[in-house]
Protein backbone atom coordinates (compact mmCIF):
# COMPACT_ATOMS: atom_id res chain seq x y z
CA MET A 1 -84.37 139.56 105.77
CA ALA A 2 -81.08 139.33 107.41
CA TYR A 3 -79.06 139.11 103.93
CA VAL A 4 -81.17 142.37 102.75
CA SER A 5 -80.00 144.30 105.75
CA ALA A 6 -76.49 143.22 105.58
CA GLY A 7 -76.27 144.20 101.95
CA ILE A 8 -77.64 147.54 102.78
CA ILE A 9 -75.16 147.95 105.63
CA ILE A 10 -72.23 147.02 103.07
CA TYR A 11 -73.49 149.35 100.45
CA LYS A 12 -73.42 152.14 103.17
CA TYR A 13 -69.72 151.22 104.44
CA LYS A 14 -68.72 151.07 100.74
CA SER A 15 -69.08 154.95 100.32
CA ARG A 16 -66.68 155.41 103.21
CA ARG A 17 -62.98 155.79 103.14
CA ARG A 18 -62.13 152.98 105.64
CA GLN A 19 -64.23 150.66 103.68
CA TRP A 20 -61.96 147.75 103.63
CA SER A 21 -61.60 147.28 107.43
CA GLU A 22 -65.11 148.03 108.20
CA MET A 23 -66.35 145.67 105.48
CA LYS A 24 -64.12 142.91 106.93
CA ILE A 25 -65.84 143.40 110.15
CA VAL A 26 -69.27 143.41 108.64
CA ALA A 27 -68.28 140.26 106.59
CA LYS A 28 -67.36 138.51 109.80
CA VAL A 29 -70.57 139.49 111.65
CA VAL A 30 -72.64 138.20 108.27
CA PHE A 31 -70.78 134.98 108.45
CA PHE A 32 -71.29 134.34 112.12
CA LEU A 33 -74.99 135.14 111.54
CA GLN A 34 -75.36 132.86 108.74
CA ARG A 35 -73.69 130.19 110.60
CA GLU A 36 -75.97 130.65 113.66
CA ILE A 37 -79.20 130.53 111.20
CA ALA A 38 -77.90 127.47 109.62
CA TRP A 39 -77.28 125.77 112.97
CA ASN A 40 -80.71 126.68 114.18
CA ASP A 41 -82.39 125.30 111.19
CA LYS A 42 -80.28 122.15 111.67
CA THR A 43 -81.50 121.79 115.33
CA GLY A 44 -84.98 122.92 114.54
CA SER A 45 -85.31 125.36 117.08
């Protein structure tokens, strides 16, 4: 579900003018969330 919502957010920001700086921020957040999810899966919590 997190991946789907992230895709929707990126799609919305693509239609903006400041797409690049905003997409960079979104990408950082998505990367951080993915890392957190992977870490939680490893620790089993």
